[in-house]
Amino acid sequence: MNISSLKFVENKSDTLDVLLHGSKGGMNYSLMQKIEDVCIKQGHSVANFNFPYFERGEEQSSGPELKEELETLKSVLNECNSKEYKHTRLIGKSLGAIIASYYLKSLQKEEQSKYSVVVFGYVTGSIDLKSFDGKIDIIQGEKDKFGSMEVVKNDLKTAVSKDINYFEIKNADHSYRNELKEPIFEDEAIEIFKNI
């Protein structure tokens, strides 16, 4: 599968960061660009790309099983020689985190051990990280329509991972915006991410 939008920055690093955008905005969305900048400054190799539905100008992903998105993620990992890295960090915004969770769930336990996941905007009931035992970091807006931090913690109470970190941003919605829909809390989310 050819991913024409793939932007791969290769650094001499043990870590590959793979950025998975949300349903709106794609790889050039301001939050995704800020995440990419942080990853590059940290010296990691970084893959940023658009899912095919977004490239086609469609509003929706390929459906509830996310088959096309999972195939795209596998192609990106292959294209970036992810097997050569000691650690791969899947960084997902909303839908991107759902895709990351489906991918991790498809792996054998020993394959999962080289991964960690960062969730920007946890979608309660759709993200399934309960069987993933690696590091999980969640950056959630206090007023996220998919659930407050208390709801997220409840969703993960049976998770096997013992390394889950929760970061809540006061007054922020699912896209780190205020009540006027201005993304004024994006930088706060990025500051948290820099220290993960």
C-alpha atoms as a PDB file:
ATOM      1  CA  MET A   1       0.000   0.000   0.000  1.00  0.00           C
ATOM      2  CA  ASN A   2       1.449   3.348  -1.030  1.00  0.00           C
ATOM      3  CA  ILE A   3       0.942   6.133   1.516  1.00  0.00           C
ATOM      4  CA  SER A   4       1.579   9.241  -0.572  1.00  0.00           C
ATOM      5  CA  SER A   5       1.161  11.577   2.414  1.00  0.00           C
ATOM      6  CA  LEU A   6       3.779   9.825   4.582  1.00  0.00           C
ATOM      7  CA  LYS A   7       6.290  12.238   6.089  1.00  0.00           C
ATOM      8  CA  PHE A   8       9.089  10.232   7.687  1.00  0.00           C
ATOM      9  CA  VAL A   9      11.844  11.969   9.613  1.00  0.00           C
ATOM     10  CA  GLU A  10      14.572   9.442  10.324  1.00  0.00           C
ATOM     11  CA  ASN A  11      16.925  10.106  13.222  1.00  0.00           C
ATOM     12  CA  LYS A  12      19.568   7.942  14.837  1.00  0.00           C
ATOM     13  CA  SER A  13      17.254   6.860  17.614  1.00  0.00           C
ATOM     14  CA  ASP A  14      16.018   3.738  19.375  1.00  0.00           C
ATOM     15  CA  THR A  15      12.475   5.174  19.276  1.00  0.00           C
ATOM     16  CA  LEU A  16      10.031   5.482  16.404  1.00  0.00           C
ATOM     17  CA  ASP A  17       7.044   7.779  17.013  1.00  0.00           C
ATOM     18  CA  VAL A  18       4.019   7.080  14.799  1.00  0.00           C
ATOM     19  CA  LEU A  19       1.403   9.844  14.764  1.00  0.00           C
ATOM     20  CA  LEU A  20      -2.219   8.835  14.159  1.00  0.00           C
ATOM     21  CA  HIS A  21      -4.547  11.762  13.471  1.00  0.00           C
ATOM     22  CA  GLY A  22      -8.138  12.120  14.599  1.00  0.00           C
ATOM     23  CA  SER A  23     -11.226  12.130  12.404  1.00  0.00           C
ATOM     24  CA  LYS A  24     -10.862  15.847  11.655  1.00  0.00           C
ATOM     25  CA  GLY A  25      -7.842  17.803  10.428  1.00  0.00           C
ATOM     26  CA  GLY A  26      -5.459  15.081   9.325  1.00  0.00           C
ATOM     27  CA  MET A  27      -1.689  15.177   9.713  1.00  0.00           C
ATOM     28  CA  ASN A  28      -1.536  18.956   9.212  1.00  0.00           C
ATOM     29  CA  TYR A  29      -3.989  19.725  12.025  1.00  0.00           C
ATOM     30  CA  SER A  30      -2.285  22.154  14.437  1.00  0.00           C
ATOM     31  CA  LEU A  31      -2.146  19.644  17.314  1.00  0.00           C
ATOM     32  CA  MET A  32      -0.567  16.962  15.091  1.00  0.00           C
ATOM     33  CA  GLN A  33       2.038  19.445  13.860  1.00  0.00           C
ATOM     34  CA  LYS A  34       2.907  20.411  17.443  1.00  0.00           C
ATOM     35  CA  ILE A  35       3.214  16.734  18.430  1.00  0.00           C
ATOM     36  CA  GLU A  36       5.467  16.095  15.418  1.00  0.00           C
ATOM     37  CA  ASP A  37       7.699  19.044  16.372  1.00  0.00           C
ATOM     38  CA  VAL A  38       8.111  17.723  19.940  1.00  0.00           C
ATOM     39  CA  CYS A  39       8.976  14.216  18.733  1.00  0.00           C
ATOM     40  CA  ILE A  40      11.607  15.555  16.318  1.00  0.00           C
ATOM     41  CA  LYS A  41      13.117  17.783  19.044  1.00  0.00           C
ATOM     42  CA  GLN A  42      13.306  14.695  21.288  1.00  0.00           C
ATOM     43  CA  GLY A  43      15.512  13.124  18.610  1.00  0.00           C
ATOM     44  CA  HIS A  44      13.094  10.326  17.720  1.00  0.00           C
ATOM     45  CA  SER A  45      12.344   9.069  14.235  1.00  0.00           C
ATOM     46  CA  VAL A  46       8.828  10.281  13.369  1.00  0.00           C
ATOM     47  CA  ALA A  47       6.142   9.107  10.948  1.00  0.00           C
ATOM     48  CA  ASN A  48       3.196  11.421  10.248  1.00  0.00           C
ATOM     49  CA  PHE A  49       0.618  10.661   7.552  1.00  0.00           C
ATOM     50  CA  ASN A  50      -3.025  10.869   6.523  1.00  0.00           C
ATOM     51  CA  PHE A  51      -5.372   7.919   6.473  1.00  0.00           C
ATOM     52  CA  PRO A  52      -6.780   7.177   2.984  1.00  0.00           C
ATOM     53  CA  TYR A  53     -10.345   8.338   3.779  1.00  0.00           C
ATOM     54  CA  PHE A  54      -8.947  11.761   4.686  1.00  0.00           C
ATOM     55  CA  GLU A  55      -6.831  11.890   1.510  1.00  0.00           C
ATOM     56  CA  ARG A  56      -9.964  11.148  -0.528  1.00  0.00           C
ATOM     57  CA  GLY A  57     -11.774  14.054   1.146  1.00  0.00           C
ATOM     58  CA  GLU A  58     -14.242  11.785   2.944  1.00  0.00           C
ATOM     59  CA  GLU A  59     -15.706  12.615   6.344  1.00  0.00           C
ATOM     60  CA  GLN A  60     -15.772   9.086   7.769  1.00  0.00           C
ATOM     61  CA  SER A  61     -13.242   6.332   8.418  1.00  0.00           C
ATOM     62  CA  SER A  62     -13.624   2.967   6.654  1.00  0.00           C
ATOM     63  CA  GLY A  63     -16.139   1.642   9.198  1.00  0.00           C
ATOM     64  CA  PRO A  64     -16.328   0.204  12.717  1.00  0.00           C
ATOM     65  CA  GLU A  65     -13.639  -2.430  12.104  1.00  0.00           C
ATOM     66  CA  LEU A  66     -11.227   0.220  10.706  1.00  0.00           C
ATOM     67  CA  LYS A  67      -9.750  -2.322   8.264  1.00  0.00           C
ATOM     68  CA  GLU A  68      -8.342   0.248   5.825  1.00  0.00           C
ATOM     69  CA  GLU A  69      -6.802   2.306   8.639  1.00  0.00           C
ATOM     70  CA  LEU A  70      -5.201  -0.780  10.231  1.00  0.00           C
ATOM     71  CA  GLU A  71      -3.737  -1.824   6.874  1.00  0.00           C
ATOM     72  CA  THR A  72      -2.397   1.706   6.429  1.00  0.00           C
ATOM     73  CA  LEU A  73      -0.795   1.674   9.893  1.00  0.00           C
ATOM     74  CA  LYS A  74       0.850  -1.694   9.139  1.00  0.00           C
ATOM     75  CA  SER A  75       2.153  -0.306   5.829  1.00  0.00           C
ATOM     76  CA  VAL A  76       3.584   2.763   7.582  1.00  0.00           C
ATOM     77  CA  LEU A  77       5.300   0.601  10.213  1.00  0.00           C
ATOM     78  CA  ASN A  78       6.741  -1.526   7.423  1.00  0.00           C
ATOM     79  CA  GLU A  79       7.809   1.499   5.358  1.00  0.00           C
ATOM     80  CA  CYS A  80       9.609   2.961   8.392  1.00  0.00           C
ATOM     81  CA  ASN A  81      11.331  -0.358   9.248  1.00  0.00           C
ATOM     82  CA  SER A  82       9.742  -0.354  12.708  1.00  0.00           C
ATOM     83  CA  LYS A  83      11.312  -3.745  13.475  1.00  0.00           C
ATOM     84  CA  GLU A  84      14.704  -1.979  13.563  1.00  0.00           C
ATOM     85  CA  TYR A  85      13.651   0.170  16.550  1.00  0.00           C
ATOM     86  CA  LYS A  86      13.771  -0.942  20.179  1.00  0.00           C
ATOM     87  CA  HIS A  87      10.640   1.070  20.990  1.00  0.00           C
ATOM     88  CA  THR A  88       7.655   2.274  18.971  1.00  0.00           C
ATOM     89  CA  ARG A  89       5.369   4.886  20.479  1.00  0.00           C
ATOM     90  CA  LEU A  90       1.896   5.104  18.920  1.00  0.00           C
ATOM     91  CA  ILE A  91       0.566   8.626  19.461  1.00  0.00           C
ATOM     92  CA  GLY A  92      -3.127   8.879  18.668  1.00  0.00           C
ATOM     93  CA  LYS A  93      -5.647  11.703  18.723  1.00  0.00           C
ATOM     94  CA  SER A  94      -9.178  10.334  19.279  1.00  0.00           C
ATOM     95  CA  LEU A  95      -9.816   8.095  16.221  1.00  0.00           C
ATOM     96  CA  GLY A  96      -6.047   7.624  15.906  1.00  0.00           C
ATOM     97  CA  ALA A  97      -5.960   6.199  19.436  1.00  0.00           C
ATOM     98  CA  ILE A  98      -8.830   3.837  18.601  1.00  0.00           C
ATOM     99  CA  ILE A  99      -6.813   2.582  15.613  1.00  0.00           C
ATOM    100  CA  ALA A 100      -3.693   2.219  17.816  1.00  0.00           C
ATOM    101  CA  SER A 101      -5.682   0.185  20.349  1.00  0.00           C
ATOM    102  CA  TYR A 102      -7.071  -2.144  17.649  1.00  0.00           C
ATOM    103  CA  TYR A 103      -3.569  -2.640  16.258  1.00  0.00           C
ATOM    104  CA  LEU A 104      -2.052  -3.419  19.674  1.00  0.00           C
ATOM    105  CA  LYS A 105      -4.890  -5.828  20.434  1.00  0.00           C
ATOM    106  CA  SER A 106      -4.031  -7.759  17.231  1.00  0.00           C
ATOM    107  CA  LEU A 107      -0.445  -8.404  18.379  1.00  0.00           C
ATOM    108  CA  GLN A 108       0.901 -11.280  20.438  1.00  0.00           C
ATOM    109  CA  LYS A 109       1.981 -10.346  23.995  1.00  0.00           C
ATOM    110  CA  GLU A 110       5.689 -10.571  23.139  1.00  0.00           C
ATOM    111  CA  GLU A 111       5.192  -8.284  20.116  1.00  0.00           C
ATOM    112  CA  GLN A 112       3.330  -5.741  22.274  1.00  0.00           C
ATOM    113  CA  SER A 113       6.328  -5.333  24.581  1.00  0.00           C
ATOM    114  CA  LYS A 114       8.139  -2.883  22.265  1.00  0.00           C
ATOM    115  CA  TYR A 115       5.161  -0.505  22.126  1.00  0.00           C
ATOM    116  CA  SER A 116       3.746   2.277  24.246  1.00  0.00           C
ATOM    117  CA  VAL A 117       0.750   4.475  23.508  1.00  0.00           C
ATOM    118  CA  VAL A 118      -0.105   8.135  24.079  1.00  0.00           C
ATOM    119  CA  VAL A 119      -3.791   9.055  23.840  1.00  0.00           C
ATOM    120  CA  PHE A 120      -4.846  12.616  23.088  1.00  0.00           C
ATOM    121  CA  GLY A 121      -8.600  12.538  23.770  1.00  0.00           C
ATOM    122  CA  TYR A 122      -9.719   9.114  25.020  1.00  0.00           C
ATOM    123  CA  VAL A 123     -12.961   7.882  23.423  1.00  0.00           C
ATOM    124  CA  THR A 124     -14.698   5.857  26.134  1.00  0.00           C
ATOM    125  CA  GLY A 125     -16.173   2.615  24.872  1.00  0.00           C
ATOM    126  CA  SER A 126     -14.233   2.702  21.580  1.00  0.00           C
ATOM    127  CA  ILE A 127     -10.580   2.590  22.644  1.00  0.00           C
ATOM    128  CA  ASP A 128      -9.707  -0.887  23.900  1.00  0.00           C
ATOM    129  CA  LEU A 129      -6.400  -1.003  25.743  1.00  0.00           C
ATOM    130  CA  LYS A 130      -7.510  -3.404  28.472  1.00  0.00           C
ATOM    131  CA  SER A 131      -5.320  -6.282  27.221  1.00  0.00           C
ATOM    132  CA  PHE A 132      -2.280  -4.101  26.443  1.00  0.00           C
ATOM    133  CA  ASP A 133       0.271  -4.319  29.254  1.00  0.00           C
ATOM    134  CA  GLY A 134       2.652  -1.579  28.084  1.00  0.00           C
ATOM    135  CA  LYS A 135       2.907   2.084  29.048  1.00  0.00           C
ATOM    136  CA  ILE A 136      -0.245   4.154  28.459  1.00  0.00           C
ATOM    137  CA  ASP A 137      -0.403   7.951  28.788  1.00  0.00           C
ATOM    138  CA  ILE A 138      -3.760   9.722  28.490  1.00  0.00           C
ATOM    139  CA  ILE A 139      -4.191  13.483  28.069  1.00  0.00           C
ATOM    140  CA  GLN A 140      -7.884  14.263  28.543  1.00  0.00           C
ATOM    141  CA  GLY A 141      -9.886  17.457  28.623  1.00  0.00           C
ATOM    142  CA  GLU A 142     -11.948  17.878  31.788  1.00  0.00           C
ATOM    143  CA  LYS A 143     -15.018  18.611  29.623  1.00  0.00           C
ATOM    144  CA  ASP A 144     -14.371  15.958  26.963  1.00  0.00           C
ATOM    145  CA  LYS A 145     -17.699  14.843  25.455  1.00  0.00           C
ATOM    146  CA  PHE A 146     -16.475  11.222  25.539  1.00  0.00           C
ATOM    147  CA  GLY A 147     -15.884  11.311  29.266  1.00  0.00           C
ATOM    148  CA  SER A 148     -14.099  13.019  32.115  1.00  0.00           C
ATOM    149  CA  MET A 149     -10.961  11.531  33.643  1.00  0.00           C
ATOM    150  CA  GLU A 150     -13.099   9.701  36.192  1.00  0.00           C
ATOM    151  CA  VAL A 151     -15.001   7.998  33.335  1.00  0.00           C
ATOM    152  CA  VAL A 152     -11.720   7.139  31.550  1.00  0.00           C
ATOM    153  CA  LYS A 153     -10.237   5.626  34.716  1.00  0.00           C
ATOM    154  CA  ASN A 154     -13.399   3.576  35.182  1.00  0.00           C
ATOM    155  CA  ASP A 155     -13.119   2.348  31.567  1.00  0.00           C
ATOM    156  CA  LEU A 156      -9.557   1.163  32.279  1.00  0.00           C
ATOM    157  CA  LYS A 157     -10.105  -0.267  35.765  1.00  0.00           C
ATOM    158  CA  THR A 158      -9.704  -3.840  34.462  1.00  0.00           C
ATOM    159  CA  ALA A 159      -6.681  -3.026  32.252  1.00  0.00           C
ATOM    160  CA  VAL A 160      -3.687  -5.328  32.649  1.00  0.00           C
ATOM    161  CA  SER A 161      -1.163  -2.472  32.341  1.00  0.00           C
ATOM    162  CA  LYS A 162       0.350  -1.304  35.613  1.00  0.00           C
ATOM    163  CA  ASP A 163       1.856   1.752  33.886  1.00  0.00           C
ATOM    164  CA  ILE A 164      -1.075   4.059  33.098  1.00  0.00           C
ATOM    165  CA  ASN A 165      -0.658   7.815  33.547  1.00  0.00           C
ATOM    166  CA  TYR A 166      -3.613  10.197  33.501  1.00  0.00           C
ATOM    167  CA  PHE A 167      -3.325  13.919  32.742  1.00  0.00           C
ATOM    168  CA  GLU A 168      -6.420  16.119  32.882  1.00  0.00           C
ATOM    169  CA  ILE A 169      -6.649  19.605  31.383  1.00  0.00           C
ATOM    170  CA  LYS A 170      -9.097  21.847  33.233  1.00  0.00           C
ATOM    171  CA  ASN A 171     -11.942  23.402  31.187  1.00  0.00           C
ATOM    172  CA  ALA A 172     -10.770  21.737  27.931  1.00  0.00           C
ATOM    173  CA  ASP A 173     -13.042  19.796  25.574  1.00  0.00           C
ATOM    174  CA  HIS A 174     -12.148  16.765  23.391  1.00  0.00           C
ATOM    175  CA  SER A 175     -10.010  18.936  21.080  1.00  0.00           C
ATOM    176  CA  TYR A 176      -8.472  21.026  23.888  1.00  0.00           C
ATOM    177  CA  ARG A 177     -10.769  23.950  23.156  1.00  0.00           C
ATOM    178  CA  ASN A 178     -12.642  26.335  25.443  1.00  0.00           C
ATOM    179  CA  GLU A 179     -16.399  26.966  25.368  1.00  0.00           C
ATOM    180  CA  LEU A 180     -15.904  29.311  22.365  1.00  0.00           C
ATOM    181  CA  LYS A 181     -14.320  26.406  20.438  1.00  0.00           C
ATOM    182  CA  GLU A 182     -10.884  28.064  20.467  1.00  0.00           C
ATOM    183  CA  PRO A 183      -8.025  25.506  20.821  1.00  0.00           C
ATOM    184  CA  ILE A 184      -6.416  27.469  23.640  1.00  0.00           C
ATOM    185  CA  PHE A 185      -5.500  24.347  25.652  1.00  0.00           C
ATOM    186  CA  GLU A 186      -3.469  22.656  22.870  1.00  0.00           C
ATOM    187  CA  ASP A 187      -0.225  24.104  24.209  1.00  0.00           C
ATOM    188  CA  GLU A 188      -1.014  22.790  27.699  1.00  0.00           C
ATOM    189  CA  ALA A 189      -1.534  19.320  26.195  1.00  0.00           C
ATOM    190  CA  ILE A 190       1.801  19.662  24.378  1.00  0.00           C
ATOM    191  CA  GLU A 191       3.604  20.724  27.577  1.00  0.00           C
ATOM    192  CA  ILE A 192       2.312  17.563  29.262  1.00  0.00           C
ATOM    193  CA  PHE A 193       3.368  15.479  26.260  1.00  0.00           C
ATOM    194  CA  LYS A 194       6.917  16.918  26.330  1.00  0.00           C
ATOM    195  CA  ASN A 195       7.398  15.459  29.813  1.00  0.00           C
ATOM    196  CA  ILE A 196       6.000  11.984  29.162  1.00  0.00           C
END
